[in-house]
Amino acid sequence: MADPSEFMTAFAQFISSSPTSYHAAETMSALLDRAGFEAMDEKLPWTGVAGRRYFVRGGAVVAWIAPERVEPTTGFRIVGVHTDSPALKLKPEPVYDNAGWQQLNMEVYGGPLINSWLDRELGLAGRITTRTGENHLVRTGPIMRVSQLAPHLDRSVNQALTVDQQYELMPSYGLGSEPDVIELLCGQAGILPTEFGFADVYAYPTQEPALFGNQSEFFASSRLDNLSSVFPGLLALLRVKSPHDVVVFSAFDHEEVGSSTTSGAAGPLLSDALTRIAAGLEVGGDAYQAMLARSSCISADAAHSVNPNHVSKYDPVVRPLMNQGPALKVNAKQRYATDSVTASLWLRACEAAGVVHQSFVSNNDVPCGTTIGPITATRLGIPTVDVGVPILSMHSTREMCGSQDPQLLSRALEAYWMGA
C-alpha cells in the first residue's frame, strides 16, 4: 500500500467503521483475523503464545508476534496507542421532554472542543450489556442534533461563545413520535427491551472522512486523535515478518479520561499480557526482568501542527507542519516520555524507513497534554518515546491532518518493529 491515496482510502474506511473504541476493537479484530492472527481468551490458560496472536478487552486490543523461543538478546518492542476520543456519553434514563422536544441527557467524556458538537447531525454508537452479561455493539444513523441559538436572540454570541454543559449541550432527538432511545438501541442489538441492562453509548458525528485541498493534501475526520496512530500501527503490524524481538501492539482505551481503568494504560492490561507472553515462552523471574530491560516502547498519539491563526500559542522556533512527517514529542516536565536515548531510537527507525520527521515542543507559557507514554514507562520501567501525526483542531469533531503523514508513521513503526 505505497500509494498515499490508497492508504488514506483504507484509513477513511477504518474511521467510518470505528465510531467508538468498542467498534475500533471489533474492526481491528476483523483485520487481525484476516491476516492470520489467532484470538486468545484471557479467561483461559494460554497453551501457546508464539506466532501471531491477539486478545480484546472491551475497547482495547493487544496483539503480538512472538518467535518460537527467546534468544539472550530478545526483548519486547511495543507500540502503544489509544482507541477512544472525547465525546458525549449517554446518561442513565436518557430521554426527557423539553418544550415539546424529546431530548437526550448526556455527559461529557474527556475534554472535547464543545463548540464542535453544535449544529452537526449526530448518531449514537457503543455497546449495551444485557442483564445476563452479554455485550452487543450498536450504532444508529444521524438521529439528533445540538442546535445553537441564533445571533438575533443573543447579540453577544460572536464575542464570547459559552455553552452550559448541562442545559445547552443536550441533543434534540425528536418531537415525541420516535421510539424510545433504549428500545431503538435494543432493536439495533436484536434483543428485547426487557433484556437491557446498561449502556456505554456515545454520540458520534456522522459526517464521513474526506480528503481535501488543491492536491488532496489534507484529510478531515473525527477521531484522528487517536485513530491516526491506531490504523498506521495496525497496518505496520500486519506487514511485520519474522522479527527478532517480541513485537507488541497495545491499543488502550480510556486515555482521554486518565487511563485508570481495566482497559487503560494505567491498569494491568499490558503488564499482564507481557507476563503471560513471557511465561508462554518459558521466561520468568529474573530472566523476565532482564527481558524487560532489553525492551522499548513507542507511544504514538496525535501531535500538534502549528495553527497559522494562533502562532503565539506555539514555540517560536519548533513549529510542526503537515506532510513533513510524524513529530517527535518532547517535554522537559516529562508530560511526554521522550529522552535522548529513546529519541535516538525513533530517529533510527525513521532513517531506516526513509521517513522524514520533525519535532514538537510546547510554548513555555502554554501547558501541554500528556499521553500513555509516561504511564507505560512508569508501570513497566521500559524506555519510551512519544511521537505522533501532527493535526489541527485536536479534540474537535472534525480534526485535520496531512494526507501523507499517517502512512509515513506506519512505515517508521514497521522499521522500529523490525529492529531498526
Protein backbone atom coordinates (compact mmCIF):
# COMPACT_ATOMS: atom_id res chain seq x y z
CA MET A 1 0.00 0.00 0.00
CA ALA A 2 2.63 2.53 -1.16
CA ASP A 3 0.14 4.96 -2.75
CA PRO A 4 -0.87 7.59 -0.12
CA SER A 5 -4.36 7.88 -1.64
CA GLU A 6 -4.87 4.11 -1.30
CA PHE A 7 -3.66 4.25 2.30
CA MET A 8 -5.97 7.16 3.12
CA THR A 9 -8.97 5.48 1.48
CA ALA A 10 -8.42 2.47 3.72
CA PHE A 11 -7.89 4.80 6.68
CA ALA A 12 -11.18 6.57 5.98
CA GLN A 13 -12.98 3.22 5.87
CA PHE A 14 -11.39 2.26 9.20
CA ILE A 15 -12.56 5.51 10.82
CA SER A 16 -16.07 5.09 9.43
CA SER A 17 -16.20 1.59 10.93
CA SER A 18 -14.92 2.81 14.32
CA PRO A 19 -17.21 5.48 15.83
CA THR A 20 -16.30 4.27 19.35
CA SER A 21 -13.45 2.39 20.98
CA TYR A 22 -15.59 -0.76 21.03
CA HIS A 23 -16.16 -0.57 17.29
CA ALA A 24 -12.45 0.12 16.72
CA ALA A 25 -11.61 -3.05 18.66
CA GLU A 26 -14.08 -5.03 16.56
CA THR A 27 -12.70 -3.58 13.32
CA MET A 28 -9.13 -4.34 14.38
CA SER A 29 -10.12 -7.89 15.32
CA ALA A 30 -11.56 -8.49 11.86
CA LEU A 31 -8.38 -7.23 10.19
CA LEU A 32 -6.19 -9.31 12.51
CA ASP A 33 -8.27 -12.42 11.84
CA ARG A 34 -7.96 -11.86 8.11
CA ALA A 35 -4.16 -11.55 8.48
CA GLY A 36 -3.89 -14.89 10.27
CA PHE A 37 -3.70 -13.72 13.89
CA GLU A 38 -5.21 -16.12 16.42
CA ALA A 39 -7.61 -14.72 19.03
CA MET A 40 -6.74 -15.63 22.62
CA ASP A 41 -9.20 -15.83 25.51
CA GLU A 42 -7.96 -14.03 28.62
CA LYS A 43 -10.16 -16.23 30.80
CA LEU A 44 -8.42 -19.45 29.75
CA PRO A 45 -4.82 -20.62 30.14
CA TRP A 46 -2.66 -19.73 27.15
CA THR A 47 -1.26 -23.01 25.85
CA GLY A 48 0.78 -21.23 23.18
CA VAL A 49 1.89 -17.65 22.61
CA ALA A 50 4.33 -17.95 19.68
CA GLY A 51 3.26 -16.69 16.29
CA ARG A 52 0.63 -14.06 15.56
CA ARG A 53 -1.84 -13.66 18.45
CA TYR A 54 -4.18 -11.09 19.98
CA PHE A 55 -6.91 -10.57 22.56
CA VAL A 56 -9.63 -7.98 23.13
CA ARG A 57 -10.71 -6.38 26.39
CA GLY A 58 -13.66 -4.05 25.85
CA GLY A 59 -12.40 -1.23 23.65
CA ALA A 60 -8.76 -2.32 23.94
CA VAL A 61 -6.73 -4.75 21.82
CA VAL A 62 -3.31 -6.27 22.46
CA ALA A 63 -1.72 -8.06 19.51
CA TRP A 64 1.74 -9.56 19.16
CA ILE A 65 4.12 -11.57 17.03
CA ALA A 66 6.42 -13.83 19.05
CA PRO A 67 9.25 -16.13 17.95
CA GLU A 68 9.21 -19.78 18.95
CA ARG A 69 11.96 -19.24 21.50
CA VAL A 70 13.71 -16.34 23.19
CA GLU A 71 17.34 -15.55 22.45
CA PRO A 72 19.64 -13.93 25.04
CA THR A 73 19.16 -10.61 23.22
CA THR A 74 15.39 -10.82 22.77
CA GLY A 75 13.21 -8.07 24.24
CA PHE A 76 9.77 -6.59 23.71
CA ARG A 77 9.26 -3.89 21.08
CA ILE A 78 5.99 -2.19 21.97
CA VAL A 79 3.85 0.38 20.20
CA GLY A 80 1.15 1.87 22.41
CA VAL A 81 -1.87 3.83 21.12
CA HIS A 82 -5.38 4.60 22.34
CA THR A 83 -8.77 3.92 20.76
CA ASP A 84 -11.00 6.48 22.49
CA SER A 85 -11.74 10.13 21.69
CA PRO A 86 -13.55 12.94 23.53
CA ALA A 87 -17.30 12.64 23.14
CA LEU A 88 -20.73 12.98 24.73
CA LYS A 89 -21.90 9.89 26.62
CA LEU A 90 -25.47 8.81 27.25
CA LYS A 91 -26.61 9.05 30.86
CA PRO A 92 -28.93 6.55 32.58
CA GLU A 93 -32.63 7.30 31.96
CA PRO A 94 -31.55 9.33 28.94
CA VAL A 95 -34.81 10.65 27.41
CA TYR A 96 -36.72 13.66 28.73
CA ASP A 97 -39.32 16.15 27.41
CA ASN A 98 -38.50 19.83 26.99
CA ALA A 99 -40.75 22.41 25.29
CA GLY A 100 -42.31 19.75 23.10
CA TRP A 101 -38.97 18.23 22.13
CA GLN A 102 -37.58 14.83 23.04
CA GLN A 103 -34.03 15.35 24.27
CA LEU A 104 -31.23 13.03 25.34
CA ASN A 105 -29.45 13.53 28.64
CA MET A 106 -25.70 13.19 28.08
CA GLU A 107 -22.46 13.91 29.91
CA VAL A 108 -19.06 14.99 28.65
CA TYR A 109 -16.40 12.30 28.13
CA GLY A 110 -12.85 13.66 28.10
CA GLY A 111 -12.03 17.19 27.01
CA PRO A 112 -13.77 17.88 23.70
CA LEU A 113 -13.95 21.18 21.86
CA ILE A 114 -17.54 21.72 22.98
CA ASN A 115 -18.49 24.12 20.17
CA SER A 116 -17.60 21.50 17.55
CA TRP A 117 -20.56 19.38 18.70
CA LEU A 118 -23.01 22.14 17.80
CA ASP A 119 -25.04 22.11 14.57
CA ARG A 120 -23.88 18.66 13.47
CA GLU A 121 -26.00 15.62 12.70
CA LEU A 122 -25.12 13.07 15.37
CA GLY A 123 -25.66 9.36 15.81
CA LEU A 124 -25.40 7.03 18.79
CA ALA A 125 -22.87 4.19 18.99
CA GLY A 126 -21.33 1.98 21.63
CA ARG A 127 -22.19 -1.19 23.48
CA ILE A 128 -25.13 -2.34 25.52
CA THR A 129 -24.98 -5.14 28.03
CA THR A 130 -27.90 -7.41 28.82
CA ARG A 131 -28.95 -8.37 32.32
CA THR A 132 -27.23 -11.73 31.74
CA GLY A 133 -23.93 -10.05 30.83
CA GLU A 134 -23.93 -10.35 27.04
CA ASN A 135 -22.40 -7.43 25.12
CA HIS A 136 -23.81 -6.07 21.86
CA LEU A 137 -22.38 -3.31 19.68
CA VAL A 138 -24.92 -0.77 18.46
CA ARG A 139 -24.87 2.10 16.02
CA THR A 140 -27.58 4.37 14.65
CA GLY A 141 -27.50 6.76 11.73
CA PRO A 142 -27.94 10.53 12.21
CA ILE A 143 -30.81 10.91 14.67
CA MET A 144 -30.09 14.02 16.75
CA ARG A 145 -28.53 17.47 16.84
CA VAL A 146 -27.44 20.19 19.30
CA SER A 147 -28.62 23.46 17.76
CA GLN A 148 -27.14 26.87 18.50
CA LEU A 149 -29.15 29.95 19.38
CA ALA A 150 -29.49 32.43 16.52
CA PRO A 151 -27.47 35.69 16.88
CA HIS A 152 -30.77 37.62 16.73
CA LEU A 153 -31.56 36.12 20.14
CA ASP A 154 -28.06 36.53 21.60
CA ARG A 155 -26.16 39.52 20.23
CA SER A 156 -23.02 38.60 22.23
CA VAL A 157 -22.61 35.13 20.72
CA ASN A 158 -19.85 36.18 18.29
CA GLN A 159 -17.90 37.92 21.01
CA ALA A 160 -17.82 35.09 23.55
CA LEU A 161 -19.42 31.72 22.96
CA THR A 162 -20.14 29.80 26.15
CA VAL A 163 -22.02 26.53 26.37
CA ASP A 164 -23.61 25.30 29.58
CA GLN A 165 -22.73 21.62 29.53
CA GLN A 166 -25.84 20.54 31.44
CA TYR A 167 -28.53 22.65 29.79
CA GLU A 168 -27.19 23.76 26.39
CA LEU A 169 -25.42 20.61 25.22
CA MET A 170 -28.34 18.18 25.17
CA PRO A 171 -29.15 16.79 21.70
CA SER A 172 -32.68 17.14 20.36
CA TYR A 173 -33.89 13.66 19.48
CA GLY A 174 -37.36 14.29 18.08
CA LEU A 175 -40.88 15.60 18.68
CA GLY A 176 -42.37 12.70 20.58
CA SER A 177 -43.30 10.24 17.84
CA GLU A 178 -39.91 8.48 17.83
CA PRO A 179 -39.26 5.13 19.53
CA ASP A 180 -37.75 5.32 22.98
CA VAL A 181 -33.97 5.50 22.57
CA ILE A 182 -33.40 2.38 24.67
CA GLU A 183 -35.90 0.49 22.53
CA LEU A 184 -34.11 1.78 19.44
CA LEU A 185 -30.74 0.55 20.73
CA CYS A 186 -32.20 -2.80 21.74
CA GLY A 187 -33.60 -3.17 18.24
CA GLN A 188 -30.12 -2.46 16.87
CA ALA A 189 -28.75 -5.21 19.12
CA GLY A 190 -31.52 -7.67 18.32
CA ILE A 191 -32.66 -8.00 21.93
CA LEU A 192 -35.86 -7.21 23.81
CA PRO A 193 -36.03 -4.06 25.97
CA THR A 194 -36.70 -6.33 28.96
CA GLU A 195 -33.24 -7.86 28.41
CA PHE A 196 -31.48 -4.48 28.57
CA GLY A 197 -29.06 -4.00 31.46
CA PHE A 198 -26.87 -0.94 30.89
CA ALA A 199 -25.28 1.08 28.08
CA ASP A 200 -21.87 2.54 27.25
CA VAL A 201 -23.17 4.61 24.35
CA TYR A 202 -21.75 7.82 22.89
CA ALA A 203 -22.76 10.48 20.42
CA TYR A 204 -20.67 10.50 17.25
CA PRO A 205 -20.56 12.87 14.25
CA THR A 206 -21.95 11.14 11.17
CA GLN A 207 -20.10 13.19 8.54
CA GLU A 208 -17.75 10.93 6.58
CA PRO A 209 -13.95 11.47 6.46
CA ALA A 210 -12.71 13.31 3.38
CA LEU A 211 -9.57 14.32 1.53
CA PHE A 212 -9.46 17.99 0.56
CA GLY A 213 -7.06 20.65 -0.72
CA ASN A 214 -5.83 21.56 -4.21
CA GLN A 215 -3.88 18.31 -4.40
CA SER A 216 -5.83 16.32 -1.80
CA GLU A 217 -3.00 17.04 0.57
CA PHE A 218 -5.24 17.31 3.64
CA PHE A 219 -7.59 14.92 5.41
CA ALA A 220 -10.51 15.83 7.69
CA SER A 221 -12.32 13.47 10.04
CA SER A 222 -13.48 12.81 13.54
CA ARG A 223 -11.30 10.76 15.90
CA LEU A 224 -7.92 11.50 14.33
CA ASP A 225 -6.87 11.69 17.97
CA ASN A 226 -6.01 8.89 18.10
CA LEU A 227 -7.03 6.70 15.17
CA SER A 228 -4.24 8.49 13.27
CA SER A 229 -1.95 6.25 15.33
CA VAL A 230 -4.16 3.16 15.67
CA PHE A 231 -4.58 2.49 11.95
CA PRO A 232 -0.94 3.16 10.94
CA GLY A 233 0.21 0.98 13.83
CA LEU A 234 -2.13 -1.85 12.93
CA LEU A 235 -1.08 -1.85 9.27
CA ALA A 236 2.58 -1.76 10.29
CA LEU A 237 2.00 -4.81 12.48
CA LEU A 238 0.36 -6.71 9.63
CA ARG A 239 3.49 -6.12 7.48
CA VAL A 240 6.00 -7.35 10.08
CA LYS A 241 7.69 -10.64 9.15
CA SER A 242 9.97 -12.81 11.34
CA PRO A 243 11.03 -10.21 13.92
CA HIS A 244 13.90 -10.90 16.31
CA ASP A 245 12.11 -9.37 19.29
CA VAL A 246 8.58 -9.94 20.55
CA VAL A 247 6.56 -7.34 18.66
CA VAL A 248 3.61 -5.96 20.67
CA PHE A 249 0.82 -3.58 19.61
CA SER A 250 -1.19 -2.32 22.58
CA ALA A 251 -4.30 -0.26 21.76
CA PHE A 252 -5.61 1.02 25.10
CA ASP A 253 -8.99 2.55 25.88
CA HIS A 254 -9.87 5.49 28.16
CA GLU A 255 -6.76 7.63 27.58
CA GLU A 256 -8.96 10.71 27.29
CA VAL A 257 -10.21 10.27 30.86
CA GLY A 258 -6.91 9.38 32.54
CA SER A 259 -6.30 5.72 31.61
CA SER A 260 -7.13 4.41 35.11
CA THR A 261 -9.41 1.55 34.02
CA THR A 262 -9.11 -2.18 33.37
CA SER A 263 -8.54 -1.46 29.67
CA GLY A 264 -6.49 1.72 30.12
CA ALA A 265 -2.73 2.21 30.14
CA ALA A 266 -2.64 2.84 33.91
CA GLY A 267 -4.19 -0.57 34.55
CA PRO A 268 -2.60 -4.03 34.28
CA LEU A 269 -3.61 -4.72 30.66
CA LEU A 270 -0.16 -4.52 29.07
CA SER A 271 1.88 -5.75 32.03
CA ASP A 272 -0.36 -8.80 32.37
CA ALA A 273 -0.06 -9.50 28.66
CA LEU A 274 3.74 -9.26 28.71
CA THR A 275 3.94 -11.53 31.75
CA ARG A 276 1.76 -14.18 30.11
CA ILE A 277 3.62 -13.96 26.80
CA ALA A 278 6.96 -14.34 28.59
CA ALA A 279 5.64 -17.28 30.63
CA GLY A 280 4.46 -18.94 27.41
CA LEU A 281 7.99 -18.56 26.08
CA GLU A 282 9.31 -20.12 29.32
CA VAL A 283 10.77 -16.84 30.56
CA GLY A 284 10.10 -15.90 34.17
CA GLY A 285 11.61 -14.40 37.30
CA ASP A 286 14.93 -12.63 36.81
CA ALA A 287 15.04 -13.65 33.15
CA TYR A 288 11.75 -11.81 32.60
CA GLN A 289 13.08 -8.68 34.30
CA ALA A 290 16.15 -8.87 32.08
CA MET A 291 13.90 -9.19 29.05
CA LEU A 292 12.04 -6.03 30.11
CA ALA A 293 15.38 -4.25 30.45
CA ARG A 294 16.08 -5.11 26.80
CA SER A 295 12.72 -3.69 25.73
CA SER A 296 11.47 -0.36 24.43
CA CYS A 297 8.17 1.37 23.65
CA ILE A 298 6.86 3.91 21.17
CA SER A 299 3.83 5.81 22.44
CA ALA A 300 2.04 7.00 19.29
CA ASP A 301 -0.55 9.73 19.82
CA ALA A 302 -1.61 12.72 17.75
CA ALA A 303 0.73 15.75 17.86
CA HIS A 304 0.01 19.45 17.31
CA SER A 305 0.62 21.10 13.95
CA VAL A 306 1.13 24.86 14.03
CA ASN A 307 -2.10 26.83 13.56
CA PRO A 308 -1.36 29.95 11.47
CA ASN A 309 -4.16 31.90 13.18
CA HIS A 310 -2.71 31.29 16.66
CA VAL A 311 1.09 31.20 16.28
CA SER A 312 1.59 32.80 19.71
CA LYS A 313 0.42 29.55 21.32
CA TYR A 314 3.36 27.61 19.83
CA ASP A 315 7.10 27.55 20.36
CA PRO A 316 8.57 30.34 18.18
CA VAL A 317 11.15 28.00 16.64
CA VAL A 318 9.73 24.45 16.66
CA ARG A 319 6.54 24.50 14.57
CA PRO A 320 5.47 21.17 13.05
CA LEU A 321 3.78 21.29 9.65
CA MET A 322 1.55 18.76 7.91
CA ASN A 323 3.05 16.33 5.39
CA GLN A 324 6.52 16.83 6.86
CA GLY A 325 6.41 13.51 8.68
CA PRO A 326 5.47 12.35 12.19
CA ALA A 327 6.61 14.51 15.10
CA LEU A 328 8.85 13.56 17.99
CA LYS A 329 7.10 14.94 21.10
CA VAL A 330 9.38 16.43 23.76
CA ASN A 331 8.60 17.95 27.17
CA ALA A 332 11.03 18.80 29.98
CA LYS A 333 8.42 18.00 32.64
CA GLN A 334 8.04 14.50 31.15
CA ARG A 335 4.47 15.01 30.07
CA TYR A 336 5.89 13.08 27.15
CA ALA A 337 8.26 10.20 27.93
CA THR A 338 10.88 11.12 25.30
CA ASP A 339 14.54 11.39 26.35
CA SER A 340 17.78 11.38 24.37
CA VAL A 341 18.06 7.58 24.35
CA THR A 342 14.53 6.95 23.11
CA ALA A 343 14.62 9.90 20.70
CA SER A 344 17.66 8.33 19.07
CA LEU A 345 15.76 5.05 18.79
CA TRP A 346 12.97 6.87 16.96
CA LEU A 347 15.38 8.66 14.63
CA ARG A 348 16.98 5.34 13.69
CA ALA A 349 13.57 3.91 12.83
CA CYS A 350 12.71 6.92 10.65
CA GLU A 351 16.06 6.77 8.87
CA ALA A 352 15.75 3.02 8.26
CA ALA A 353 12.30 3.59 6.77
CA GLY A 354 13.37 6.62 4.72
CA VAL A 355 10.76 8.72 6.53
CA VAL A 356 11.04 12.46 7.05
CA HIS A 357 10.40 13.55 10.62
CA GLN A 358 10.10 16.64 12.79
CA SER A 359 9.68 17.65 16.44
CA PHE A 360 7.06 19.20 18.69
CA VAL A 361 7.74 21.06 21.94
CA SER A 362 5.34 23.38 23.75
CA ASN A 363 5.48 27.11 24.20
CA ASN A 364 6.80 27.63 27.75
CA ASP A 365 3.69 29.59 28.71
CA VAL A 366 1.24 27.03 27.32
CA PRO A 367 0.74 23.74 29.21
CA CYS A 368 0.76 20.64 27.04
CA GLY A 369 -1.28 17.47 27.33
CA THR A 370 0.11 14.06 28.11
CA THR A 371 -0.12 10.53 26.70
CA ILE A 372 0.08 6.87 27.63
CA GLY A 373 3.86 7.19 27.23
CA PRO A 374 4.78 8.34 30.76
CA ILE A 375 2.23 5.90 32.22
CA THR A 376 3.75 2.94 30.35
CA ALA A 377 7.28 3.98 31.25
CA THR A 378 6.31 4.28 34.92
CA ARG A 379 4.41 0.99 35.10
CA LEU A 380 6.95 -1.16 33.28
CA GLY A 381 10.26 0.68 33.55
CA ILE A 382 10.64 0.43 29.77
CA PRO A 383 12.34 3.30 27.89
CA THR A 384 9.59 5.08 25.95
CA VAL A 385 9.39 7.74 23.25
CA ASP A 386 6.35 9.84 22.32
CA VAL A 387 5.57 10.53 18.66
CA GLY A 388 2.52 11.34 16.55
CA VAL A 389 0.96 12.68 13.38
CA PRO A 390 0.63 16.50 13.51
CA ILE A 391 -3.03 17.55 13.44
CA LEU A 392 -5.14 20.70 13.80
CA SER A 393 -8.39 21.16 15.73
CA MET A 394 -7.41 18.45 18.20
CA HIS A 395 -10.42 17.23 20.20
CA SER A 396 -12.84 18.68 17.66
CA THR A 397 -15.46 16.53 15.96
CA ARG A 398 -13.67 17.46 12.71
CA GLU A 399 -9.90 17.25 13.07
CA MET A 400 -7.39 17.66 10.24
CA CYS A 401 -4.06 16.10 9.27
CA GLY A 402 -1.81 15.86 6.22
CA SER A 403 -2.71 13.08 3.83
CA GLN A 404 0.85 11.70 3.74
CA ASP A 405 1.74 11.68 7.44
CA PRO A 406 -0.26 8.61 8.61
CA GLN A 407 1.48 6.38 6.07
CA LEU A 408 4.88 7.83 7.00
CA LEU A 409 4.17 7.00 10.64
CA SER A 410 3.21 3.46 9.63
CA ARG A 411 6.49 2.93 7.77
CA ALA A 412 8.52 4.19 10.72
CA LEU A 413 6.69 1.91 13.16
CA GLU A 414 7.31 -1.08 10.89
CA ALA A 415 11.04 -0.26 10.78
CA TYR A 416 11.12 0.00 14.58
CA TRP A 417 9.45 -3.38 14.99
CA MET A 418 11.85 -4.96 12.52
CA GLY A 419 14.82 -3.94 14.66
CA ALA A 420 15.97 -0.53 13.40
